[in-house]
N, C-alpha and C. Protein backbone atom coordinates (compact mmCIF):
# COMPACT_ATOMS: atom_id res chain seq x y z
N MET A 1 -13.71 -0.11 -16.88
CA MET A 1 -13.31 -0.87 -15.35
C MET A 1 -12.71 0.03 -14.46
N SER A 2 -13.21 -0.30 -13.41
CA SER A 2 -12.84 0.96 -12.13
C SER A 2 -12.20 -0.36 -10.94
N ILE A 3 -11.34 -0.02 -10.45
CA ILE A 3 -10.83 -0.55 -9.70
C ILE A 3 -10.96 -0.06 -7.91
N LYS A 4 -11.56 -0.84 -6.77
CA LYS A 4 -11.74 0.16 -5.61
C LYS A 4 -10.06 -0.72 -4.65
N VAL A 5 -9.69 0.44 -4.22
CA VAL A 5 -8.58 -0.35 -3.43
C VAL A 5 -8.64 0.74 -2.19
N CYS A 6 -7.57 -0.04 -1.17
CA CYS A 6 -7.47 0.50 0.41
C CYS A 6 -6.27 0.21 1.06
N THR A 7 -5.88 1.52 1.11
CA THR A 7 -4.28 1.13 2.01
C THR A 7 -4.53 1.18 3.60
N TRP A 8 -4.26 0.71 4.56
CA TRP A 8 -4.70 0.80 5.85
C TRP A 8 -3.60 0.35 6.66
N ASN A 9 -3.21 1.02 7.72
CA ASN A 9 -1.62 0.86 8.40
C ASN A 9 -2.73 0.09 9.98
N VAL A 10 -2.79 -1.16 10.18
CA VAL A 10 -3.53 -1.83 10.99
C VAL A 10 -3.36 -1.93 12.71
N LYS A 11 -1.75 -1.48 12.33
CA LYS A 11 -1.58 -1.72 13.80
C LYS A 11 -1.55 -2.81 14.21
N GLY A 12 -1.15 -4.15 13.67
CA GLY A 12 -1.09 -5.41 14.41
C GLY A 12 -2.66 -5.77 13.89
N SER A 13 -2.40 -7.44 13.87
CA SER A 13 -3.47 -8.17 13.05
C SER A 13 -3.31 -9.65 13.39
N ASN A 14 -2.66 -9.63 14.47
CA ASN A 14 -2.28 -11.26 15.29
C ASN A 14 -3.64 -11.67 16.20
N ASN A 15 -4.27 -10.92 16.26
CA ASN A 15 -5.39 -11.19 17.50
C ASN A 15 -6.43 -11.41 16.55
N ALA A 16 -7.49 -12.73 16.73
CA ALA A 16 -8.42 -13.11 15.79
C ALA A 16 -9.64 -12.39 15.52
N ILE A 17 -10.00 -11.89 16.53
CA ILE A 17 -11.04 -10.73 16.42
C ILE A 17 -10.71 -9.47 15.85
N LYS A 18 -9.51 -8.72 16.04
CA LYS A 18 -9.32 -7.78 15.19
C LYS A 18 -9.16 -8.29 13.68
N ARG A 19 -8.55 -9.38 13.17
CA ARG A 19 -8.31 -10.10 12.25
C ARG A 19 -9.87 -9.47 11.39
N LYS A 20 -10.71 -10.69 11.78
CA LYS A 20 -12.00 -11.04 11.26
C LYS A 20 -12.68 -9.21 10.90
N THR A 21 -12.38 -8.14 12.45
CA THR A 21 -12.68 -7.30 11.93
C THR A 21 -12.46 -6.33 10.79
N ILE A 22 -10.90 -6.28 10.47
CA ILE A 22 -10.43 -5.92 9.38
C ILE A 22 -10.96 -6.48 8.30
N LEU A 23 -11.21 -7.79 8.07
CA LEU A 23 -11.68 -8.31 6.93
C LEU A 23 -12.82 -8.20 6.75
N ASN A 24 -13.81 -8.07 7.48
CA ASN A 24 -15.49 -7.83 7.28
C ASN A 24 -15.57 -6.19 6.75
N SER A 25 -14.81 -5.37 6.84
CA SER A 25 -14.66 -3.88 6.75
C SER A 25 -14.28 -3.78 5.25
N LEU A 26 -13.10 -4.37 5.02
CA LEU A 26 -12.90 -4.44 3.74
C LEU A 26 -13.73 -5.27 3.08
N LYS A 27 -14.60 -6.18 3.30
CA LYS A 27 -15.68 -7.03 2.44
C LYS A 27 -16.82 -5.59 2.26
N LYS A 28 -17.20 -5.49 3.45
CA LYS A 28 -18.33 -4.19 3.47
C LYS A 28 -18.08 -3.38 2.39
N ASP A 29 -16.52 -2.96 2.49
CA ASP A 29 -16.67 -1.40 1.55
C ASP A 29 -16.05 -1.99 0.01
N ARG A 30 -16.53 -3.39 -0.08
CA ARG A 30 -16.35 -3.84 -1.66
C ARG A 30 -14.96 -3.20 -1.94
N ASN A 31 -13.59 -3.43 -1.01
CA ASN A 31 -12.38 -3.47 -1.67
C ASN A 31 -12.12 -4.78 -2.35
N GLN A 32 -11.75 -4.20 -3.85
CA GLN A 32 -11.00 -5.26 -4.81
C GLN A 32 -9.38 -5.57 -4.39
N VAL A 33 -8.77 -4.34 -3.94
CA VAL A 33 -7.28 -4.62 -3.46
C VAL A 33 -7.41 -4.08 -2.11
N ALA A 34 -6.44 -4.75 -1.53
CA ALA A 34 -6.25 -3.88 0.57
C ALA A 34 -4.98 -4.29 0.55
N PHE A 35 -4.11 -3.01 0.54
CA PHE A 35 -2.96 -2.69 0.93
C PHE A 35 -2.84 -2.28 2.41
N LEU A 36 -2.20 -3.61 3.14
CA LEU A 36 -2.23 -3.57 4.32
C LEU A 36 -0.59 -3.81 5.20
N GLN A 37 -0.48 -2.96 6.12
CA GLN A 37 0.98 -2.40 7.00
C GLN A 37 0.52 -2.66 8.37
N GLU A 38 2.46 -2.95 9.04
CA GLU A 38 1.94 -3.62 10.58
C GLU A 38 1.27 -4.36 10.55
N THR A 39 1.22 -5.60 9.97
CA THR A 39 0.26 -6.99 10.37
C THR A 39 1.08 -7.14 11.65
N HIS A 40 1.98 -7.02 11.86
CA HIS A 40 2.62 -8.06 13.14
C HIS A 40 2.68 -9.62 13.20
N LEU A 41 2.95 -10.24 11.94
CA LEU A 41 2.58 -11.70 11.65
C LEU A 41 3.93 -12.11 11.04
N THR A 42 3.95 -13.48 11.57
CA THR A 42 4.98 -14.30 10.82
C THR A 42 4.10 -15.04 9.63
N ASP A 43 5.32 -15.50 8.82
CA ASP A 43 4.71 -16.53 7.49
C ASP A 43 3.59 -17.08 7.88
N GLU A 44 3.96 -18.43 8.97
CA GLU A 44 2.46 -18.79 9.08
C GLU A 44 1.15 -18.52 9.66
N GLU A 45 1.27 -17.39 10.77
CA GLU A 45 0.14 -16.13 10.87
C GLU A 45 -0.20 -15.85 9.43
N HIS A 46 0.53 -15.12 8.76
CA HIS A 46 -0.12 -14.78 7.46
C HIS A 46 -1.04 -15.52 6.62
N LYS A 47 -0.77 -16.66 7.08
CA LYS A 47 -1.36 -17.63 5.91
C LYS A 47 -2.70 -18.01 6.78
N LYS A 48 -3.15 -17.42 7.84
CA LYS A 48 -4.46 -17.61 8.13
C LYS A 48 -5.08 -16.41 7.45
N TYR A 49 -4.90 -15.61 7.08
CA TYR A 49 -5.42 -14.60 6.02
C TYR A 49 -5.70 -15.27 4.42
N LEU A 50 -4.88 -16.66 4.07
CA LEU A 50 -5.52 -17.30 2.70
C LEU A 50 -6.80 -18.02 3.52
N ARG A 51 -7.10 -18.73 4.80
CA ARG A 51 -8.11 -18.99 5.00
C ARG A 51 -9.46 -18.16 5.08
N GLU A 52 -9.36 -17.21 5.40
CA GLU A 52 -10.06 -16.18 5.72
C GLU A 52 -10.36 -14.85 4.69
N TRP A 53 -9.57 -14.36 3.82
CA TRP A 53 -9.84 -13.87 2.56
C TRP A 53 -10.23 -14.61 1.18
N VAL A 54 -11.43 -14.11 0.50
CA VAL A 54 -11.95 -14.73 -0.25
C VAL A 54 -10.88 -14.14 -1.97
N GLY A 55 -9.80 -14.92 -2.18
CA GLY A 55 -9.06 -14.26 -3.11
C GLY A 55 -7.54 -14.56 -2.69
N GLN A 56 -6.69 -13.60 -3.41
CA GLN A 56 -5.31 -13.81 -3.29
C GLN A 56 -4.40 -13.35 -2.25
N VAL A 57 -3.52 -13.59 -1.60
CA VAL A 57 -2.65 -13.27 -0.68
C VAL A 57 -1.60 -13.51 -0.94
N TYR A 58 -0.86 -12.07 -0.86
CA TYR A 58 0.81 -12.02 -0.72
C TYR A 58 1.37 -11.05 0.39
N PHE A 59 2.19 -11.49 1.35
CA PHE A 59 2.70 -10.55 2.15
C PHE A 59 4.32 -10.61 2.57
N SER A 60 4.69 -9.99 3.38
CA SER A 60 6.21 -9.99 3.72
C SER A 60 6.12 -9.90 5.03
N SER A 61 6.62 -11.00 5.89
CA SER A 61 6.44 -11.05 7.12
C SER A 61 7.93 -10.30 7.71
N TYR A 62 7.70 -10.32 8.92
CA TYR A 62 8.99 -10.15 9.79
C TYR A 62 8.71 -10.86 11.78
N SER A 63 7.98 -10.06 12.20
CA SER A 63 7.44 -10.75 13.51
C SER A 63 6.26 -10.53 14.22
N THR A 64 5.81 -11.10 15.71
CA THR A 64 4.69 -10.83 15.83
C THR A 64 4.45 -9.51 16.50
N ASN A 65 5.62 -8.72 16.43
CA ASN A 65 5.21 -7.45 17.17
C ASN A 65 5.40 -6.33 16.81
N LYS A 66 5.96 -6.43 15.43
CA LYS A 66 6.70 -5.29 14.75
C LYS A 66 6.35 -5.38 12.92
N ARG A 67 6.59 -4.32 12.00
CA ARG A 67 6.54 -4.54 10.78
C ARG A 67 5.46 -5.57 9.89
N GLY A 68 5.29 -6.02 8.73
CA GLY A 68 4.81 -6.76 8.34
C GLY A 68 3.79 -6.28 7.14
N VAL A 69 3.97 -6.53 6.33
CA VAL A 69 2.86 -5.69 4.83
C VAL A 69 2.21 -6.88 4.19
N ILE A 70 0.89 -6.56 3.37
CA ILE A 70 0.10 -8.00 3.30
C ILE A 70 -0.30 -6.92 1.91
N ILE A 71 -0.64 -7.64 0.33
CA ILE A 71 -1.47 -7.28 -0.40
C ILE A 71 -2.98 -8.86 -0.41
N LEU A 72 -4.04 -8.09 -0.43
CA LEU A 72 -5.26 -8.82 -0.50
C LEU A 72 -5.64 -8.69 -1.89
N ILE A 73 -6.50 -9.42 -2.88
CA ILE A 73 -7.06 -9.38 -4.22
C ILE A 73 -8.53 -10.13 -4.08
N HIS A 74 -9.50 -9.74 -4.44
CA HIS A 74 -10.49 -10.07 -4.32
C HIS A 74 -10.57 -11.08 -5.32
N LYS A 75 -10.95 -11.64 -5.62
CA LYS A 75 -11.54 -12.86 -6.48
C LYS A 75 -12.11 -12.71 -7.64
N ASN A 76 -12.81 -11.21 -7.35
CA ASN A 76 -13.64 -10.84 -8.71
C ASN A 76 -12.57 -10.08 -9.93
N LEU A 77 -11.43 -9.71 -8.98
CA LEU A 77 -10.46 -8.98 -9.94
C LEU A 77 -9.80 -9.76 -10.56
N PRO A 78 -9.94 -9.80 -11.75
CA PRO A 78 -9.16 -11.10 -12.65
C PRO A 78 -7.46 -10.75 -13.16
N LEU A 79 -7.00 -10.64 -11.80
CA LEU A 79 -5.21 -10.23 -12.08
C LEU A 79 -4.58 -11.48 -11.75
N THR A 80 -4.05 -11.86 -13.10
CA THR A 80 -3.02 -12.67 -13.13
C THR A 80 -1.68 -12.89 -12.82
N VAL A 81 -1.33 -13.27 -11.66
CA VAL A 81 0.02 -12.63 -11.04
C VAL A 81 0.79 -13.62 -11.49
N VAL A 82 2.51 -12.81 -12.35
CA VAL A 82 3.14 -13.65 -13.15
C VAL A 82 4.66 -13.43 -12.47
N ASP A 83 4.90 -12.48 -11.21
CA ASP A 83 6.15 -12.29 -10.20
C ASP A 83 5.82 -11.64 -9.16
N THR A 84 6.58 -11.59 -8.19
CA THR A 84 6.38 -11.44 -7.05
C THR A 84 7.94 -10.93 -6.72
N PHE A 85 7.70 -9.80 -5.39
CA PHE A 85 9.43 -9.56 -4.87
C PHE A 85 8.63 -9.53 -3.25
N LYS A 86 9.50 -9.98 -2.14
CA LYS A 86 9.06 -9.52 -1.03
C LYS A 86 10.62 -9.47 -0.28
N ASP A 87 11.05 -8.39 0.46
CA ASP A 87 12.14 -8.36 1.37
C ASP A 87 12.06 -8.98 2.40
N THR A 88 13.28 -9.27 3.17
CA THR A 88 13.19 -10.27 4.53
C THR A 88 13.02 -9.40 5.50
N GLU A 89 12.63 -7.71 5.48
CA GLU A 89 12.34 -7.20 6.63
C GLU A 89 10.84 -6.50 7.04
N GLY A 90 9.80 -7.49 6.19
CA GLY A 90 8.67 -6.90 6.38
C GLY A 90 8.07 -5.96 6.13
N ARG A 91 8.76 -5.13 5.15
CA ARG A 91 8.07 -3.78 5.01
C ARG A 91 7.90 -3.37 3.40
N ILE A 92 8.41 -4.83 2.41
CA ILE A 92 8.34 -4.45 0.79
C ILE A 92 7.22 -5.85 0.64
N ILE A 93 6.35 -5.67 -0.59
CA ILE A 93 5.60 -6.86 -1.15
C ILE A 93 5.20 -6.23 -2.48
N LEU A 94 5.58 -6.99 -3.30
CA LEU A 94 5.35 -6.13 -4.87
C LEU A 94 5.12 -7.35 -5.75
N ILE A 95 3.42 -7.30 -6.30
CA ILE A 95 3.46 -8.20 -7.22
C ILE A 95 3.21 -7.46 -8.46
N LYS A 96 3.33 -8.55 -9.67
CA LYS A 96 3.45 -7.99 -11.04
C LYS A 96 2.18 -9.18 -11.68
N GLY A 97 0.93 -8.28 -12.37
CA GLY A 97 0.28 -9.39 -12.95
C GLY A 97 -0.19 -8.31 -14.00
N ILE A 98 -1.48 -9.41 -15.10
CA ILE A 98 -1.93 -9.01 -16.16
C ILE A 98 -3.07 -8.82 -15.51
N LEU A 99 -3.73 -7.72 -15.95
CA LEU A 99 -5.08 -7.30 -16.04
C LEU A 99 -5.73 -6.91 -16.66
N ASN A 100 -6.48 -7.56 -17.65
CA ASN A 100 -7.20 -6.84 -18.67
C ASN A 100 -6.14 -6.98 -20.04
N GLY A 101 -5.53 -7.31 -19.95
CA GLY A 101 -4.37 -7.51 -20.87
C GLY A 101 -3.27 -6.94 -20.84
N GLU A 102 -3.13 -6.00 -19.48
CA GLU A 102 -2.24 -4.86 -19.23
C GLU A 102 -1.14 -5.44 -18.02
N ASN A 103 -0.01 -5.00 -18.20
CA ASN A 103 0.98 -5.15 -17.07
C ASN A 103 0.58 -4.14 -15.83
N PHE A 104 0.30 -4.95 -14.53
CA PHE A 104 -0.01 -3.89 -13.68
C PHE A 104 0.85 -4.52 -12.25
N LEU A 105 1.44 -3.45 -11.62
CA LEU A 105 2.25 -3.63 -10.40
C LEU A 105 1.43 -3.25 -8.94
N LEU A 106 1.22 -4.03 -8.13
CA LEU A 106 0.56 -3.61 -6.95
C LEU A 106 1.64 -4.11 -6.05
N GLY A 107 1.99 -2.82 -4.97
CA GLY A 107 2.89 -2.91 -3.69
C GLY A 107 2.62 -2.41 -2.66
N SER A 108 2.70 -3.14 -1.84
CA SER A 108 2.33 -2.50 0.03
C SER A 108 3.48 -2.22 0.55
N VAL A 109 3.64 -1.10 0.86
CA VAL A 109 5.06 -0.60 1.66
C VAL A 109 5.03 0.17 3.02
N TYR A 110 5.89 -0.46 4.22
CA TYR A 110 6.07 0.06 5.30
C TYR A 110 7.20 0.87 5.36
N GLY A 111 7.29 2.14 5.64
CA GLY A 111 8.76 2.59 5.29
C GLY A 111 9.27 2.56 6.41
N PRO A 112 10.68 2.78 6.82
CA PRO A 112 11.43 3.01 8.08
C PRO A 112 10.83 4.44 8.82
N ASN A 113 10.83 4.50 10.22
CA ASN A 113 10.47 5.68 10.73
C ASN A 113 11.93 6.36 10.99
N ILE A 114 13.12 6.48 10.47
CA ILE A 114 14.41 7.12 10.04
C ILE A 114 14.27 7.42 8.46
N ASN A 115 15.16 8.27 8.16
CA ASN A 115 15.61 8.48 6.83
C ASN A 115 16.81 7.59 6.75
N ASP A 116 16.12 6.46 5.42
CA ASP A 116 16.96 5.19 5.11
C ASP A 116 16.76 5.47 3.72
N GLU A 117 17.75 6.25 2.99
CA GLU A 117 18.04 5.83 1.67
C GLU A 117 17.78 4.71 1.05
N ASP A 118 18.63 4.06 1.82
CA ASP A 118 18.90 2.59 1.27
C ASP A 118 17.67 1.88 1.16
N PHE A 119 17.00 1.90 1.82
CA PHE A 119 15.47 1.24 1.94
C PHE A 119 14.78 1.89 0.62
N PHE A 120 14.53 3.12 0.15
CA PHE A 120 13.70 3.78 -0.86
C PHE A 120 14.69 3.58 -1.97
N ALA A 121 15.88 3.58 -2.09
CA ALA A 121 16.87 3.17 -3.71
C ALA A 121 16.00 1.23 -3.80
N VAL A 122 16.35 0.47 -2.67
CA VAL A 122 15.83 -0.95 -3.25
C VAL A 122 14.84 -0.85 -3.45
N LEU A 123 13.59 -0.36 -2.94
CA LEU A 123 12.31 -0.30 -3.76
C LEU A 123 12.01 0.44 -4.99
N LEU A 124 13.14 1.57 -5.27
CA LEU A 124 12.82 2.07 -6.74
C LEU A 124 13.22 1.03 -7.49
N SER A 125 14.75 -0.06 -7.11
CA SER A 125 14.90 -0.40 -8.41
C SER A 125 14.35 -1.93 -8.52
N GLN A 126 13.61 -2.43 -7.49
CA GLN A 126 12.66 -3.50 -7.86
C GLN A 126 11.57 -2.94 -8.43
N ILE A 127 10.93 -2.13 -8.29
CA ILE A 127 9.64 -1.61 -9.40
C ILE A 127 10.24 -1.24 -10.64
N ALA A 128 11.29 -0.40 -10.73
CA ALA A 128 11.77 -0.72 -12.14
C ALA A 128 12.02 -1.76 -12.58
N GLU A 129 12.68 -2.82 -11.86
CA GLU A 129 12.81 -3.97 -12.58
C GLU A 129 11.76 -4.74 -13.24
N MET A 130 10.81 -4.56 -12.20
CA MET A 130 9.45 -5.36 -13.07
C MET A 130 9.01 -4.68 -13.97
N ASP A 131 9.19 -3.48 -14.45
CA ASP A 131 9.00 -3.01 -16.00
C ASP A 131 7.27 -3.00 -15.87
N CYS A 132 6.80 -2.54 -15.37
CA CYS A 132 4.95 -2.20 -15.54
C CYS A 132 4.68 -1.01 -15.91
N SER A 133 3.96 -1.05 -16.93
CA SER A 133 3.18 0.48 -17.55
C SER A 133 2.13 0.96 -16.29
N ASN A 134 1.71 0.22 -15.57
CA ASN A 134 0.66 0.66 -14.74
C ASN A 134 1.06 0.30 -13.17
N ILE A 135 1.06 1.56 -12.76
CA ILE A 135 1.59 0.97 -10.98
C ILE A 135 0.81 1.57 -10.00
N LEU A 136 0.88 0.83 -9.27
CA LEU A 136 -0.09 1.12 -7.66
C LEU A 136 0.32 1.01 -6.41
N ILE A 137 1.09 1.91 -5.98
CA ILE A 137 1.73 1.36 -4.39
C ILE A 137 0.93 2.46 -3.18
N GLY A 138 0.43 1.02 -2.44
CA GLY A 138 -0.28 1.62 -0.99
C GLY A 138 0.70 1.58 -0.06
N GLY A 139 0.73 2.45 0.85
CA GLY A 139 1.88 2.09 1.95
C GLY A 139 1.72 3.09 2.98
N ASP A 140 2.13 3.04 4.31
CA ASP A 140 2.35 4.10 5.35
C ASP A 140 4.09 4.23 5.01
N PHE A 141 4.59 4.86 4.92
CA PHE A 141 5.90 5.66 4.08
C PHE A 141 6.69 6.28 5.30
N ASN A 142 5.91 6.67 6.46
CA ASN A 142 6.71 7.24 7.53
C ASN A 142 7.40 8.54 7.23
N CYS A 143 7.07 9.20 6.46
CA CYS A 143 7.64 10.32 5.86
C CYS A 143 6.86 11.59 5.59
N SER A 144 7.34 12.70 5.57
CA SER A 144 6.06 13.90 4.93
C SER A 144 6.60 13.81 3.75
N LEU A 145 5.39 13.96 2.74
CA LEU A 145 5.41 14.24 1.55
C LEU A 145 5.17 15.44 0.92
N CYS A 146 5.69 16.22 1.41
CA CYS A 146 5.28 17.63 1.14
C CYS A 146 6.71 18.15 0.40
N PRO A 147 6.48 19.74 0.11
CA PRO A 147 7.56 20.38 -1.03
C PRO A 147 9.04 20.41 -0.76
N HIS A 148 9.22 19.82 0.62
CA HIS A 148 10.66 19.43 1.33
C HIS A 148 10.68 18.05 1.52
N MET A 149 9.83 17.44 1.15
CA MET A 149 9.91 15.94 1.42
C MET A 149 11.37 15.27 1.41
N ASP A 150 11.42 14.04 1.80
CA ASP A 150 12.56 13.47 1.72
C ASP A 150 12.96 13.14 0.29
N ARG A 151 14.53 13.06 0.18
CA ARG A 151 14.92 13.15 -1.28
C ARG A 151 14.52 11.79 -2.06
N ALA A 152 14.41 10.80 -1.03
CA ALA A 152 14.78 9.47 -1.65
C ALA A 152 13.21 9.28 -2.55
N VAL A 153 12.39 9.48 -1.38
CA VAL A 153 10.81 9.40 -1.91
C VAL A 153 10.82 10.43 -2.98
N LYS A 154 11.31 11.44 -3.09
CA LYS A 154 11.04 12.14 -4.37
C LYS A 154 11.86 11.65 -5.31
N ASN A 155 12.39 11.00 -5.24
CA ASN A 155 13.63 10.45 -6.43
C ASN A 155 12.62 9.17 -7.12
N ILE A 156 11.54 8.47 -6.36
CA ILE A 156 10.69 7.70 -6.50
C ILE A 156 9.80 7.97 -7.46
N LEU A 157 9.03 9.64 -7.29
CA LEU A 157 8.25 10.13 -7.97
C LEU A 157 8.68 10.50 -9.04
N GLU A 158 9.65 10.92 -9.01
CA GLU A 158 10.29 11.40 -9.97
C GLU A 158 10.62 10.29 -11.62
N GLU A 159 11.61 9.60 -10.94
CA GLU A 159 12.10 8.43 -11.40
C GLU A 159 10.94 7.63 -12.28
N LEU A 160 9.81 7.43 -11.68
CA LEU A 160 8.73 6.71 -12.17
C LEU A 160 7.52 7.06 -12.71
N ASP A 161 7.70 8.59 -12.58
CA ASP A 161 6.28 9.38 -13.49
C ASP A 161 5.12 8.82 -12.35
N LEU A 162 5.30 8.88 -11.15
CA LEU A 162 4.16 8.56 -10.13
C LEU A 162 3.55 9.73 -9.59
N ILE A 163 2.59 9.66 -9.19
CA ILE A 163 1.61 11.06 -8.89
C ILE A 163 1.49 10.61 -7.12
N ASP A 164 1.51 11.67 -6.53
CA ASP A 164 0.87 11.34 -4.81
C ASP A 164 -0.23 11.67 -4.80
N ILE A 165 -1.38 10.85 -4.49
CA ILE A 165 -2.89 10.90 -4.59
C ILE A 165 -2.95 12.10 -3.26
N TRP A 166 -2.39 12.22 -2.34
CA TRP A 166 -2.96 13.14 -1.43
C TRP A 166 -2.32 14.17 -1.92
N ARG A 167 -1.23 14.74 -2.28
CA ARG A 167 -0.84 15.81 -2.80
C ARG A 167 -1.27 16.22 -4.04
N HIS A 168 -2.11 15.27 -5.00
CA HIS A 168 -2.85 15.54 -5.77
C HIS A 168 -4.05 16.21 -5.90
N PHE A 169 -4.92 15.96 -4.70
CA PHE A 169 -5.92 16.44 -3.88
C PHE A 169 -6.08 17.63 -3.00
N ASN A 170 -4.54 17.72 -2.49
CA ASN A 170 -4.11 18.68 -1.59
C ASN A 170 -2.96 19.52 -1.62
N PRO A 171 -3.23 20.09 -2.96
CA PRO A 171 -1.90 20.50 -3.54
C PRO A 171 -1.35 21.71 -2.61
N SER A 172 -1.97 22.28 -1.63
CA SER A 172 -1.29 23.60 -0.78
C SER A 172 -1.71 23.33 0.45
N ILE A 173 -2.00 22.05 1.14
CA ILE A 173 -2.29 21.68 2.51
C ILE A 173 -1.54 21.25 3.06
N LYS A 174 -0.83 21.89 4.44
CA LYS A 174 0.27 21.10 5.02
C LYS A 174 -0.48 20.54 6.43
N SER A 175 -0.30 19.12 5.87
CA SER A 175 -1.11 18.02 6.81
C SER A 175 -0.28 17.03 6.57
N PHE A 176 -0.94 15.72 7.23
CA PHE A 176 -0.45 14.56 7.48
C PHE A 176 -1.97 13.75 7.30
N THR A 177 -1.59 12.25 6.67
CA THR A 177 -2.57 11.82 6.86
C THR A 177 -2.68 10.79 8.47
N PHE A 178 -1.51 11.03 8.89
CA PHE A 178 -1.63 10.70 10.20
C PHE A 178 -0.41 11.04 10.93
N HIS A 179 -0.49 11.63 12.13
CA HIS A 179 0.59 12.26 12.67
C HIS A 179 0.85 11.35 14.06
N SER A 180 2.32 11.18 13.97
CA SER A 180 3.15 10.52 15.00
C SER A 180 3.94 11.04 15.84
N LEU A 181 3.66 11.26 17.27
CA LEU A 181 4.59 12.25 17.88
C LEU A 181 5.99 12.11 18.31
N PRO A 182 6.23 10.35 18.54
CA PRO A 182 7.30 9.78 18.58
C PRO A 182 8.18 10.34 17.18
N HIS A 183 7.49 9.85 16.20
CA HIS A 183 8.56 9.97 15.20
C HIS A 183 8.30 10.93 14.05
N SER A 184 7.58 12.09 14.33
CA SER A 184 7.13 13.51 13.83
C SER A 184 6.25 13.49 12.77
N THR A 185 6.33 12.13 11.93
CA THR A 185 5.11 12.22 10.94
C THR A 185 4.65 10.73 10.57
N MET A 186 3.57 10.40 10.12
CA MET A 186 3.29 8.89 9.79
C MET A 186 2.23 9.13 8.57
N THR A 187 2.64 8.97 7.27
CA THR A 187 2.14 9.48 6.38
C THR A 187 1.36 8.11 5.41
N LEU A 188 0.07 8.12 5.10
CA LEU A 188 -0.60 6.79 4.47
C LEU A 188 -0.89 7.34 3.24
N ARG A 189 -0.06 6.72 2.07
CA ARG A 189 -0.03 7.12 0.61
C ARG A 189 -0.51 6.26 -0.28
N PHE A 190 -1.15 6.57 -1.41
CA PHE A 190 -1.22 6.14 -2.56
C PHE A 190 -0.07 6.82 -3.82
N LEU A 191 0.39 5.97 -4.10
CA LEU A 191 1.18 6.38 -5.52
C LEU A 191 0.87 5.40 -6.91
N ILE A 192 0.53 6.70 -7.84
CA ILE A 192 -0.19 5.84 -8.71
C ILE A 192 0.80 6.36 -10.43
N GLY A 193 0.73 5.57 -11.06
CA GLY A 193 1.25 6.06 -12.42
C GLY A 193 0.75 5.01 -13.55
N GLY A 194 0.82 5.43 -14.73
CA GLY A 194 0.23 4.70 -15.96
C GLY A 194 -0.88 5.17 -16.46
N LEU A 195 -1.67 4.12 -16.81
CA LEU A 195 -3.07 4.45 -17.68
C LEU A 195 -4.25 4.60 -16.84
N TYR A 196 -4.09 4.54 -15.60
CA TYR A 196 -5.41 4.96 -14.57
C TYR A 196 -5.36 6.03 -14.16
N LYS A 197 -6.76 6.70 -13.58
CA LYS A 197 -6.92 7.70 -13.15
C LYS A 197 -7.43 7.70 -11.91
N VAL A 198 -7.95 8.51 -11.03
CA VAL A 198 -8.38 8.50 -10.17
C VAL A 198 -10.12 9.20 -9.88
N LEU A 199 -10.88 8.07 -9.79
CA LEU A 199 -12.39 8.37 -9.55
C LEU A 199 -12.53 8.98 -8.66
N HIS A 200 -12.11 8.61 -7.09
CA HIS A 200 -12.53 8.89 -6.14
C HIS A 200 -11.39 8.40 -5.08
N TRP A 201 -11.57 9.73 -4.16
CA TRP A 201 -10.40 9.30 -2.75
C TRP A 201 -11.01 9.68 -1.56
N GLY A 202 -10.39 9.20 -0.46
CA GLY A 202 -10.82 9.54 0.86
C GLY A 202 -9.92 8.84 1.86
N ALA A 203 -10.38 9.91 2.94
CA ALA A 203 -9.38 9.20 3.74
C ALA A 203 -10.05 9.44 5.33
N LEU A 204 -9.91 8.61 6.38
CA LEU A 204 -10.80 8.81 7.87
C LEU A 204 -10.05 9.92 8.00
N PRO A 205 -10.83 10.32 9.48
CA PRO A 205 -9.91 11.39 9.97
C PRO A 205 -8.57 10.90 10.68
N ALA A 206 -7.82 12.15 10.96
CA ALA A 206 -6.22 11.42 11.54
C ALA A 206 -6.74 11.08 12.87
N SER A 207 -7.41 11.48 13.51
CA SER A 207 -7.46 11.25 15.08
C SER A 207 -8.10 9.76 15.42
N LEU A 208 -8.47 9.28 14.23
CA LEU A 208 -8.66 7.84 14.52
C LEU A 208 -7.72 6.91 14.96
N LEU A 209 -7.86 5.93 15.46
CA LEU A 209 -6.96 4.88 16.07
C LEU A 209 -6.58 4.20 14.85
N VAL A 210 -7.50 3.46 14.44
CA VAL A 210 -6.97 2.94 12.96
C VAL A 210 -7.16 3.90 11.69
N HIS A 211 -6.06 3.61 10.86
CA HIS A 211 -6.11 4.96 10.03
C HIS A 211 -5.87 4.22 8.28
N THR A 212 -6.69 4.79 7.67
CA THR A 212 -6.72 4.21 6.54
C THR A 212 -7.32 5.26 5.19
N GLN A 213 -7.01 4.64 4.10
CA GLN A 213 -7.66 5.50 2.72
C GLN A 213 -8.17 4.88 1.56
N THR A 214 -9.10 5.11 1.07
CA THR A 214 -9.63 4.36 0.03
C THR A 214 -9.68 5.47 -1.48
N ALA A 215 -9.52 4.76 -2.62
CA ALA A 215 -9.65 5.21 -3.57
C ALA A 215 -10.25 3.97 -4.79
N ARG A 216 -10.99 4.70 -5.78
CA ARG A 216 -11.23 4.11 -6.90
C ARG A 216 -10.50 4.75 -7.95
N PHE A 217 -10.17 3.37 -8.59
CA PHE A 217 -9.67 3.86 -10.39
C PHE A 217 -10.17 3.43 -11.35
N SER A 218 -10.01 4.33 -12.33
CA SER A 218 -10.66 3.78 -13.71
C SER A 218 -9.35 3.85 -15.05
N ARG A 219 -9.29 3.33 -15.85
CA ARG A 219 -8.56 3.29 -16.68
C ARG A 219 -8.82 4.40 -17.88
N CYS A 220 -7.65 5.11 -17.80
CA CYS A 220 -8.26 6.19 -19.04
C CYS A 220 -8.37 6.39 -20.42
N LEU A 221 -9.42 6.70 -20.75
CA LEU A 221 -9.81 6.68 -22.28
C LEU A 221 -8.87 6.98 -23.14
């Protein structure tokens, strides 16, 4: 079995037309799991996704002009959710579920654009506490995952034995999935750990206003 996933910084989705465009794109590409960041929605506004997406919806809200993360799971993916965690800052949403008899953790993350080790410590603690053998985190980490990357993010990779898929496919390239002049970097990433391998990975050019990555995963034999 393979799973097609997408991580996407949408830079706001409180406009009905833009939200419809986002959902139509996800459906057209047949994504089974979507991690969205910077949704810019309150709890009540996030619930609009429940009416417009065919499947499960989990989110962490903040305000109508900043932050906000969401996980969309298509109804055709037989994931039974048994636990969730969301912060109060609109930066982290984690769900633990059972997929084909195995524990699976999915997470959408929007990291601070400053060096905030406390944020990553909370993220590491929550992921470890949920104790899943398979982990897939998609997000905008707002830092550069390079050989001299932020120590806090590096700790997460090492402690949880995760792989940064961008670095896996680009071991020697000095680049960013998206570059933000005010904050130096903006990196969109998949972090994966467990019994699933990457079948395919791709990213839209960094020059595009809306930036996204897609990947397909399959369980190792």
